[in-house]
mmCIF file of all heavy atoms, coordinates in Angstrom:
data_MODEL
# 
_entry.id   MODEL 
# 
loop_
_atom_site.group_PDB 
_atom_site.id 
_atom_site.type_symbol 
_atom_site.label_atom_id 
_atom_site.label_alt_id 
_atom_site.label_comp_id 
_atom_site.label_asym_id 
_atom_site.label_entity_id 
_atom_site.label_seq_id 
_atom_site.pdbx_PDB_ins_code 
_atom_site.Cartn_x 
_atom_site.Cartn_y 
_atom_site.Cartn_z 
_atom_site.occupancy 
_atom_site.B_iso_or_equiv 
_atom_site.pdbx_formal_charge 
_atom_site.auth_seq_id 
_atom_site.auth_comp_id 
_atom_site.auth_asym_id 
_atom_site.auth_atom_id 
_atom_site.pdbx_PDB_model_num 
ATOM 1   N N   . PHE A 1 1  ? 10.350  9.113   3.994  1.00 0.00 ? 1  PHE A N   1 
ATOM 2   C CA  . PHE A 1 1  ? 10.758  8.592   2.695  1.00 0.00 ? 1  PHE A CA  1 
ATOM 3   C C   . PHE A 1 1  ? 11.733  9.590   2.072  1.00 0.00 ? 1  PHE A C   1 
ATOM 4   O O   . PHE A 1 1  ? 11.568  10.801  2.187  1.00 0.00 ? 1  PHE A O   1 
ATOM 5   C CB  . PHE A 1 1  ? 9.544   8.391   1.794  1.00 0.00 ? 1  PHE A CB  1 
ATOM 6   C CG  . PHE A 1 1  ? 8.576   7.368   2.322  1.00 0.00 ? 1  PHE A CG  1 
ATOM 7   C CD1 . PHE A 1 1  ? 7.373   7.768   2.906  1.00 0.00 ? 1  PHE A CD1 1 
ATOM 8   C CD2 . PHE A 1 1  ? 8.869   6.016   2.252  1.00 0.00 ? 1  PHE A CD2 1 
ATOM 9   C CE1 . PHE A 1 1  ? 6.488   6.840   3.422  1.00 0.00 ? 1  PHE A CE1 1 
ATOM 10  C CE2 . PHE A 1 1  ? 7.978   5.070   2.761  1.00 0.00 ? 1  PHE A CE2 1 
ATOM 11  C CZ  . PHE A 1 1  ? 6.794   5.484   3.346  1.00 0.00 ? 1  PHE A CZ  1 
ATOM 12  N N   . ALA A 1 2  ? 12.723  9.074   1.388  1.00 0.00 ? 2  ALA A N   1 
ATOM 13  C CA  . ALA A 1 2  ? 13.758  9.940   0.825  1.00 0.00 ? 2  ALA A CA  1 
ATOM 14  C C   . ALA A 1 2  ? 13.220  10.827  -0.289 1.00 0.00 ? 2  ALA A C   1 
ATOM 15  O O   . ALA A 1 2  ? 13.719  11.923  -0.520 1.00 0.00 ? 2  ALA A O   1 
ATOM 16  C CB  . ALA A 1 2  ? 14.918  9.093   0.306  1.00 0.00 ? 2  ALA A CB  1 
ATOM 17  N N   . ASN A 1 3  ? 12.176  10.357  -0.966 1.00 0.00 ? 3  ASN A N   1 
ATOM 18  C CA  . ASN A 1 3  ? 11.617  11.140  -2.068 1.00 0.00 ? 3  ASN A CA  1 
ATOM 19  C C   . ASN A 1 3  ? 10.183  10.709  -2.341 1.00 0.00 ? 3  ASN A C   1 
ATOM 20  O O   . ASN A 1 3  ? 9.685   9.743   -1.741 1.00 0.00 ? 3  ASN A O   1 
ATOM 21  C CB  . ASN A 1 3  ? 12.482  10.995  -3.328 1.00 0.00 ? 3  ASN A CB  1 
ATOM 22  C CG  . ASN A 1 3  ? 12.754  9.538   -3.678 1.00 0.00 ? 3  ASN A CG  1 
ATOM 23  O OD1 . ASN A 1 3  ? 11.821  8.732   -3.768 1.00 0.00 ? 3  ASN A OD1 1 
ATOM 24  N ND2 . ASN A 1 3  ? 14.027  9.184   -3.852 1.00 0.00 ? 3  ASN A ND2 1 
ATOM 25  N N   . ALA A 1 4  ? 9.533   11.433  -3.237 1.00 0.00 ? 4  ALA A N   1 
ATOM 26  C CA  . ALA A 1 4  ? 8.120   11.169  -3.526 1.00 0.00 ? 4  ALA A CA  1 
ATOM 27  C C   . ALA A 1 4  ? 7.922   9.810   -4.184 1.00 0.00 ? 4  ALA A C   1 
ATOM 28  O O   . ALA A 1 4  ? 6.908   9.135   -3.942 1.00 0.00 ? 4  ALA A O   1 
ATOM 29  C CB  . ALA A 1 4  ? 7.569   12.286  -4.421 1.00 0.00 ? 4  ALA A CB  1 
ATOM 30  N N   . GLU A 1 5  ? 8.877   9.399   -5.011 1.00 0.00 ? 5  GLU A N   1 
ATOM 31  C CA  . GLU A 1 5  ? 8.748   8.084   -5.666 1.00 0.00 ? 5  GLU A CA  1 
ATOM 32  C C   . GLU A 1 5  ? 8.736   6.965   -4.633 1.00 0.00 ? 5  GLU A C   1 
ATOM 33  O O   . GLU A 1 5  ? 7.969   6.003   -4.756 1.00 0.00 ? 5  GLU A O   1 
ATOM 34  C CB  . GLU A 1 5  ? 9.892   7.861   -6.662 1.00 0.00 ? 5  GLU A CB  1 
ATOM 35  C CG  . GLU A 1 5  ? 9.894   8.803   -7.849 1.00 0.00 ? 5  GLU A CG  1 
ATOM 36  C CD  . GLU A 1 5  ? 10.851  9.964   -7.664 1.00 0.00 ? 5  GLU A CD  1 
ATOM 37  O OE1 . GLU A 1 5  ? 10.999  10.437  -6.513 1.00 0.00 ? 5  GLU A OE1 1 
ATOM 38  O OE2 . GLU A 1 5  ? 11.438  10.404  -8.668 1.00 0.00 ? 5  GLU A OE2 1 
ATOM 39  N N   . ALA A 1 6  ? 9.584   7.075   -3.602 1.00 0.00 ? 6  ALA A N   1 
ATOM 40  C CA  . ALA A 1 6  ? 9.641   6.036   -2.566 1.00 0.00 ? 6  ALA A CA  1 
ATOM 41  C C   . ALA A 1 6  ? 8.336   5.989   -1.774 1.00 0.00 ? 6  ALA A C   1 
ATOM 42  O O   . ALA A 1 6  ? 7.871   4.906   -1.387 1.00 0.00 ? 6  ALA A O   1 
ATOM 43  C CB  . ALA A 1 6  ? 10.823  6.302   -1.639 1.00 0.00 ? 6  ALA A CB  1 
ATOM 44  N N   . PHE A 1 7  ? 7.738   7.153   -1.524 1.00 0.00 ? 7  PHE A N   1 
ATOM 45  C CA  . PHE A 1 7  ? 6.454   7.223   -0.818 1.00 0.00 ? 7  PHE A CA  1 
ATOM 46  C C   . PHE A 1 7  ? 5.376   6.517   -1.644 1.00 0.00 ? 7  PHE A C   1 
ATOM 47  O O   . PHE A 1 7  ? 4.618   5.671   -1.130 1.00 0.00 ? 7  PHE A O   1 
ATOM 48  C CB  . PHE A 1 7  ? 6.103   8.692   -0.584 1.00 0.00 ? 7  PHE A CB  1 
ATOM 49  C CG  . PHE A 1 7  ? 4.901   8.943   0.306  1.00 0.00 ? 7  PHE A CG  1 
ATOM 50  C CD1 . PHE A 1 7  ? 4.530   10.262  0.602  1.00 0.00 ? 7  PHE A CD1 1 
ATOM 51  C CD2 . PHE A 1 7  ? 4.151   7.915   0.854  1.00 0.00 ? 7  PHE A CD2 1 
ATOM 52  C CE1 . PHE A 1 7  ? 3.432   10.525  1.410  1.00 0.00 ? 7  PHE A CE1 1 
ATOM 53  C CE2 . PHE A 1 7  ? 3.051   8.171   1.676  1.00 0.00 ? 7  PHE A CE2 1 
ATOM 54  C CZ  . PHE A 1 7  ? 2.688   9.483   1.943  1.00 0.00 ? 7  PHE A CZ  1 
ATOM 55  N N   . ALA A 1 8  ? 5.311   6.820   -2.933 1.00 0.00 ? 8  ALA A N   1 
ATOM 56  C CA  . ALA A 1 8  ? 4.307   6.197   -3.802 1.00 0.00 ? 8  ALA A CA  1 
ATOM 57  C C   . ALA A 1 8  ? 4.521   4.683   -3.874 1.00 0.00 ? 8  ALA A C   1 
ATOM 58  O O   . ALA A 1 8  ? 3.549   3.902   -3.837 1.00 0.00 ? 8  ALA A O   1 
ATOM 59  C CB  . ALA A 1 8  ? 4.373   6.812   -5.200 1.00 0.00 ? 8  ALA A CB  1 
ATOM 60  N N   . ALA A 1 9  ? 5.780   4.257   -3.961 1.00 0.00 ? 9  ALA A N   1 
ATOM 61  C CA  . ALA A 1 9  ? 6.068   2.819   -4.026 1.00 0.00 ? 9  ALA A CA  1 
ATOM 62  C C   . ALA A 1 9  ? 5.642   2.122   -2.743 1.00 0.00 ? 9  ALA A C   1 
ATOM 63  O O   . ALA A 1 9  ? 5.116   0.998   -2.776 1.00 0.00 ? 9  ALA A O   1 
ATOM 64  C CB  . ALA A 1 9  ? 7.565   2.606   -4.274 1.00 0.00 ? 9  ALA A CB  1 
ATOM 65  N N   . ALA A 1 10 ? 5.826   2.783   -1.594 1.00 0.00 ? 10 ALA A N   1 
ATOM 66  C CA  . ALA A 1 10 ? 5.438   2.189   -0.310 1.00 0.00 ? 10 ALA A CA  1 
ATOM 67  C C   . ALA A 1 10 ? 3.925   1.994   -0.225 1.00 0.00 ? 10 ALA A C   1 
ATOM 68  O O   . ALA A 1 10 ? 3.444   0.995   0.325  1.00 0.00 ? 10 ALA A O   1 
ATOM 69  C CB  . ALA A 1 10 ? 5.935   3.056   0.840  1.00 0.00 ? 10 ALA A CB  1 
ATOM 70  N N   . ILE A 1 11 ? 3.164   2.946   -0.762 1.00 0.00 ? 11 ILE A N   1 
ATOM 71  C CA  . ILE A 1 11 ? 1.702   2.812   -0.778 1.00 0.00 ? 11 ILE A CA  1 
ATOM 72  C C   . ILE A 1 11 ? 1.315   1.591   -1.612 1.00 0.00 ? 11 ILE A C   1 
ATOM 73  O O   . ILE A 1 11 ? 0.496   0.760   -1.184 1.00 0.00 ? 11 ILE A O   1 
ATOM 74  C CB  . ILE A 1 11 ? 1.041   4.090   -1.332 1.00 0.00 ? 11 ILE A CB  1 
ATOM 75  C CG1 . ILE A 1 11 ? 1.259   5.265   -0.377 1.00 0.00 ? 11 ILE A CG1 1 
ATOM 76  C CG2 . ILE A 1 11 ? -0.457  3.866   -1.561 1.00 0.00 ? 11 ILE A CG2 1 
ATOM 77  C CD1 . ILE A 1 11 ? 0.781   6.602   -0.934 1.00 0.00 ? 11 ILE A CD1 1 
ATOM 78  N N   . ARG A 1 12 ? 1.902   1.475   -2.788 1.00 0.00 ? 12 ARG A N   1 
ATOM 79  C CA  . ARG A 1 12 ? 1.569   0.342   -3.669 1.00 0.00 ? 12 ARG A CA  1 
ATOM 80  C C   . ARG A 1 12 ? 1.938   -0.986  -3.015 1.00 0.00 ? 12 ARG A C   1 
ATOM 81  O O   . ARG A 1 12 ? 1.159   -1.944  -3.038 1.00 0.00 ? 12 ARG A O   1 
ATOM 82  C CB  . ARG A 1 12 ? 2.315   0.485   -5.009 1.00 0.00 ? 12 ARG A CB  1 
ATOM 83  C CG  . ARG A 1 12 ? 1.781   1.598   -5.897 1.00 0.00 ? 12 ARG A CG  1 
ATOM 84  C CD  . ARG A 1 12 ? 2.372   1.504   -7.297 1.00 0.00 ? 12 ARG A CD  1 
ATOM 85  N NE  . ARG A 1 12 ? 3.814   1.735   -7.304 1.00 0.00 ? 12 ARG A NE  1 
ATOM 86  C CZ  . ARG A 1 12 ? 4.385   2.922   -7.472 1.00 0.00 ? 12 ARG A CZ  1 
ATOM 87  N NH1 . ARG A 1 12 ? 3.632   3.992   -7.638 1.00 0.00 ? 12 ARG A NH1 1 
ATOM 88  N NH2 . ARG A 1 12 ? 5.704   3.036   -7.490 1.00 0.00 ? 12 ARG A NH2 1 
ATOM 89  N N   . GLN A 1 13 ? 3.117   -1.053  -2.410 1.00 0.00 ? 13 GLN A N   1 
ATOM 90  C CA  . GLN A 1 13 ? 3.578   -2.307  -1.800 1.00 0.00 ? 13 GLN A CA  1 
ATOM 91  C C   . GLN A 1 13 ? 2.718   -2.688  -0.601 1.00 0.00 ? 13 GLN A C   1 
ATOM 92  O O   . GLN A 1 13 ? 2.406   -3.859  -0.400 1.00 0.00 ? 13 GLN A O   1 
ATOM 93  C CB  . GLN A 1 13 ? 5.038   -2.160  -1.384 1.00 0.00 ? 13 GLN A CB  1 
ATOM 94  C CG  . GLN A 1 13 ? 5.997   -2.085  -2.566 1.00 0.00 ? 13 GLN A CG  1 
ATOM 95  C CD  . GLN A 1 13 ? 7.370   -1.561  -2.190 1.00 0.00 ? 13 GLN A CD  1 
ATOM 96  O OE1 . GLN A 1 13 ? 7.671   -1.365  -1.010 1.00 0.00 ? 13 GLN A OE1 1 
ATOM 97  N NE2 . GLN A 1 13 ? 8.212   -1.312  -3.182 1.00 0.00 ? 13 GLN A NE2 1 
ATOM 98  N N   . ALA A 1 14 ? 2.309   -1.696  0.192  1.00 0.00 ? 14 ALA A N   1 
ATOM 99  C CA  . ALA A 1 14 ? 1.487   -1.989  1.367  1.00 0.00 ? 14 ALA A CA  1 
ATOM 100 C C   . ALA A 1 14 ? 0.151   -2.601  0.964  1.00 0.00 ? 14 ALA A C   1 
ATOM 101 O O   . ALA A 1 14 ? -0.341  -3.537  1.602  1.00 0.00 ? 14 ALA A O   1 
ATOM 102 C CB  . ALA A 1 14 ? 1.266   -0.718  2.181  1.00 0.00 ? 14 ALA A CB  1 
ATOM 103 N N   . LEU A 1 15 ? -0.428  -2.066  -0.101 1.00 0.00 ? 15 LEU A N   1 
ATOM 104 C CA  . LEU A 1 15 ? -1.749  -2.551  -0.521 1.00 0.00 ? 15 LEU A CA  1 
ATOM 105 C C   . LEU A 1 15 ? -1.660  -3.830  -1.344 1.00 0.00 ? 15 LEU A C   1 
ATOM 106 O O   . LEU A 1 15 ? -2.663  -4.513  -1.530 1.00 0.00 ? 15 LEU A O   1 
ATOM 107 C CB  . LEU A 1 15 ? -2.466  -1.457  -1.321 1.00 0.00 ? 15 LEU A CB  1 
ATOM 108 C CG  . LEU A 1 15 ? -2.792  -0.207  -0.495 1.00 0.00 ? 15 LEU A CG  1 
ATOM 109 C CD1 . LEU A 1 15 ? -3.440  0.858   -1.357 1.00 0.00 ? 15 LEU A CD1 1 
ATOM 110 C CD2 . LEU A 1 15 ? -3.714  -0.554  0.676  1.00 0.00 ? 15 LEU A CD2 1 
ATOM 111 N N   . ALA A 1 16 ? -0.461  -4.139  -1.847 1.00 0.00 ? 16 ALA A N   1 
ATOM 112 C CA  . ALA A 1 16 ? -0.291  -5.389  -2.590 1.00 0.00 ? 16 ALA A CA  1 
ATOM 113 C C   . ALA A 1 16 ? -0.021  -6.565  -1.666 1.00 0.00 ? 16 ALA A C   1 
ATOM 114 O O   . ALA A 1 16 ? -0.124  -7.725  -2.081 1.00 0.00 ? 16 ALA A O   1 
ATOM 115 C CB  . ALA A 1 16 ? 0.865   -5.250  -3.580 1.00 0.00 ? 16 ALA A CB  1 
ATOM 116 N N   . ALA A 1 17 ? 0.315   -6.288  -0.391 1.00 0.00 ? 17 ALA A N   1 
ATOM 117 C CA  . ALA A 1 17 ? 0.617   -7.352  0.563  1.00 0.00 ? 17 ALA A CA  1 
ATOM 118 C C   . ALA A 1 17 ? -0.628  -8.189  0.833  1.00 0.00 ? 17 ALA A C   1 
ATOM 119 O O   . ALA A 1 17 ? -1.756  -7.684  0.775  1.00 0.00 ? 17 ALA A O   1 
ATOM 120 C CB  . ALA A 1 17 ? 1.147   -6.746  1.860  1.00 0.00 ? 17 ALA A CB  1 
ATOM 121 N N   . PRO A 1 18 ? -0.477  -9.468  1.163  1.00 0.00 ? 18 PRO A N   1 
ATOM 122 C CA  . PRO A 1 18 ? -1.623  -10.343 1.429  1.00 0.00 ? 18 PRO A CA  1 
ATOM 123 C C   . PRO A 1 18 ? -2.543  -9.801  2.516  1.00 0.00 ? 18 PRO A C   1 
ATOM 124 O O   . PRO A 1 18 ? -3.757  -9.928  2.428  1.00 0.00 ? 18 PRO A O   1 
ATOM 125 C CB  . PRO A 1 18 ? -0.972  -11.659 1.862  1.00 0.00 ? 18 PRO A CB  1 
ATOM 126 C CG  . PRO A 1 18 ? 0.377   -11.630 1.221  1.00 0.00 ? 18 PRO A CG  1 
ATOM 127 C CD  . PRO A 1 18 ? 0.799   -10.196 1.204  1.00 0.00 ? 18 PRO A CD  1 
ATOM 128 N N   . ALA A 1 19 ? -1.976  -9.171  3.539  1.00 0.00 ? 19 ALA A N   1 
ATOM 129 C CA  . ALA A 1 19 ? -2.809  -8.650  4.626  1.00 0.00 ? 19 ALA A CA  1 
ATOM 130 C C   . ALA A 1 19 ? -3.766  -7.592  4.125  1.00 0.00 ? 19 ALA A C   1 
ATOM 131 O O   . ALA A 1 19 ? -4.925  -7.532  4.518  1.00 0.00 ? 19 ALA A O   1 
ATOM 132 C CB  . ALA A 1 19 ? -1.920  -8.070  5.733  1.00 0.00 ? 19 ALA A CB  1 
ATOM 133 N N   . ALA A 1 20 ? -3.272  -6.743  3.208  1.00 0.00 ? 20 ALA A N   1 
ATOM 134 C CA  . ALA A 1 20 ? -4.133  -5.694  2.676  1.00 0.00 ? 20 ALA A CA  1 
ATOM 135 C C   . ALA A 1 20 ? -5.242  -6.284  1.830  1.00 0.00 ? 20 ALA A C   1 
ATOM 136 O O   . ALA A 1 20 ? -6.365  -5.809  1.816  1.00 0.00 ? 20 ALA A O   1 
ATOM 137 C CB  . ALA A 1 20 ? -3.304  -4.700  1.857  1.00 0.00 ? 20 ALA A CB  1 
ATOM 138 N N   . ALA A 1 21 ? -4.921  -7.355  1.110  1.00 0.00 ? 21 ALA A N   1 
ATOM 139 C CA  . ALA A 1 21 ? -5.912  -7.963  0.233  1.00 0.00 ? 21 ALA A CA  1 
ATOM 140 C C   . ALA A 1 21 ? -7.071  -8.556  1.005  1.00 0.00 ? 21 ALA A C   1 
ATOM 141 O O   . ALA A 1 21 ? -8.182  -8.665  0.499  1.00 0.00 ? 21 ALA A O   1 
ATOM 142 C CB  . ALA A 1 21 ? -5.238  -9.045  -0.619 1.00 0.00 ? 21 ALA A CB  1 
ATOM 143 N N   . SER A 1 22 ? -6.825  -8.932  2.261  1.00 0.00 ? 22 SER A N   1 
ATOM 144 C CA  . SER A 1 22 ? -7.888  -9.552  3.051  1.00 0.00 ? 22 SER A CA  1 
ATOM 145 C C   . SER A 1 22 ? -8.705  -8.539  3.827  1.00 0.00 ? 22 SER A C   1 
ATOM 146 O O   . SER A 1 22 ? -9.618  -8.908  4.555  1.00 0.00 ? 22 SER A O   1 
ATOM 147 C CB  . SER A 1 22 ? -7.272  -10.553 4.034  1.00 0.00 ? 22 SER A CB  1 
ATOM 148 O OG  . SER A 1 22 ? -6.447  -9.883  4.961  1.00 0.00 ? 22 SER A OG  1 
ATOM 149 N N   . GLU A 1 23 ? -8.381  -7.230  3.688  1.00 0.00 ? 23 GLU A N   1 
ATOM 150 C CA  . GLU A 1 23 ? -9.143  -6.218  4.408  1.00 0.00 ? 23 GLU A CA  1 
ATOM 151 C C   . GLU A 1 23 ? -10.577 -6.173  3.903  1.00 0.00 ? 23 GLU A C   1 
ATOM 152 O O   . GLU A 1 23 ? -10.847 -6.434  2.724  1.00 0.00 ? 23 GLU A O   1 
ATOM 153 C CB  . GLU A 1 23 ? -8.501  -4.836  4.210  1.00 0.00 ? 23 GLU A CB  1 
ATOM 154 C CG  . GLU A 1 23 ? -7.205  -4.654  4.964  1.00 0.00 ? 23 GLU A CG  1 
ATOM 155 C CD  . GLU A 1 23 ? -7.414  -4.791  6.453  1.00 0.00 ? 23 GLU A CD  1 
ATOM 156 O OE1 . GLU A 1 23 ? -8.290  -4.116  7.004  1.00 0.00 ? 23 GLU A OE1 1 
ATOM 157 O OE2 . GLU A 1 23 ? -6.708  -5.598  7.071  1.00 0.00 ? 23 GLU A OE2 1 
ATOM 158 N N   . PRO A 1 24 ? -11.564 -5.815  4.772  1.00 0.00 ? 24 PRO A N   1 
ATOM 159 C CA  . PRO A 1 24 ? -12.936 -5.686  4.312  1.00 0.00 ? 24 PRO A CA  1 
ATOM 160 C C   . PRO A 1 24 ? -13.044 -4.583  3.280  1.00 0.00 ? 24 PRO A C   1 
ATOM 161 O O   . PRO A 1 24 ? -12.285 -3.622  3.292  1.00 0.00 ? 24 PRO A O   1 
ATOM 162 C CB  . PRO A 1 24 ? -13.704 -5.313  5.594  1.00 0.00 ? 24 PRO A CB  1 
ATOM 163 C CG  . PRO A 1 24 ? -12.673 -4.781  6.534  1.00 0.00 ? 24 PRO A CG  1 
ATOM 164 C CD  . PRO A 1 24 ? -11.409 -5.506  6.209  1.00 0.00 ? 24 PRO A CD  1 
ATOM 165 N N   . SER A 1 25 ? -13.970 -4.750  2.351  1.00 0.00 ? 25 SER A N   1 
ATOM 166 C CA  . SER A 1 25 ? -14.151 -3.750  1.299  1.00 0.00 ? 25 SER A CA  1 
ATOM 167 C C   . SER A 1 25 ? -14.681 -2.459  1.890  1.00 0.00 ? 25 SER A C   1 
ATOM 168 O O   . SER A 1 25 ? -15.281 -2.455  2.955  1.00 0.00 ? 25 SER A O   1 
ATOM 169 C CB  . SER A 1 25 ? -15.131 -4.267  0.236  1.00 0.00 ? 25 SER A CB  1 
ATOM 170 O OG  . SER A 1 25 ? -16.383 -4.520  0.833  1.00 0.00 ? 25 SER A OG  1 
ATOM 171 N N   . VAL A 1 26 ? -14.483 -1.359  1.166  1.00 0.00 ? 26 VAL A N   1 
ATOM 172 C CA  . VAL A 1 26 ? -14.913 -0.065  1.676  1.00 0.00 ? 26 VAL A CA  1 
ATOM 173 C C   . VAL A 1 26 ? -16.426 -0.015  1.788  1.00 0.00 ? 26 VAL A C   1 
ATOM 174 O O   . VAL A 1 26 ? -17.146 -0.684  1.063  1.00 0.00 ? 26 VAL A O   1 
ATOM 175 C CB  . VAL A 1 26 ? -14.422 1.074   0.755  1.00 0.00 ? 26 VAL A CB  1 
ATOM 176 C CG1 . VAL A 1 26 ? -12.922 1.165   0.794  1.00 0.00 ? 26 VAL A CG1 1 
ATOM 177 C CG2 . VAL A 1 26 ? -14.903 0.880   -0.663 1.00 0.00 ? 26 VAL A CG2 1 
ATOM 178 N N   . ASP A 1 27 ? -16.890 0.812   2.722  1.00 0.00 ? 27 ASP A N   1 
ATOM 179 C CA  . ASP A 1 27 ? -18.314 0.967   2.979  1.00 0.00 ? 27 ASP A CA  1 
ATOM 180 C C   . ASP A 1 27 ? -19.029 1.391   1.701  1.00 0.00 ? 27 ASP A C   1 
ATOM 181 O O   . ASP A 1 27 ? -18.620 2.327   1.030  1.00 0.00 ? 27 ASP A O   1 
ATOM 182 C CB  . ASP A 1 27 ? -18.503 2.042   4.069  1.00 0.00 ? 27 ASP A CB  1 
ATOM 183 C CG  . ASP A 1 27 ? -19.914 2.049   4.603  1.00 0.00 ? 27 ASP A CG  1 
ATOM 184 O OD1 . ASP A 1 27 ? -20.844 1.944   3.780  1.00 0.00 ? 27 ASP A OD1 1 
ATOM 185 O OD2 . ASP A 1 27 ? -20.092 2.180   5.823  1.00 0.00 ? 27 ASP A OD2 1 
# 
């Protein structure tokens, strides 16, 4: 990632995707 802001945005976008939403809840 070019900078820390882009890294943080990628984390948010990955978890906002439909696939992430269907993941099993944490133990």
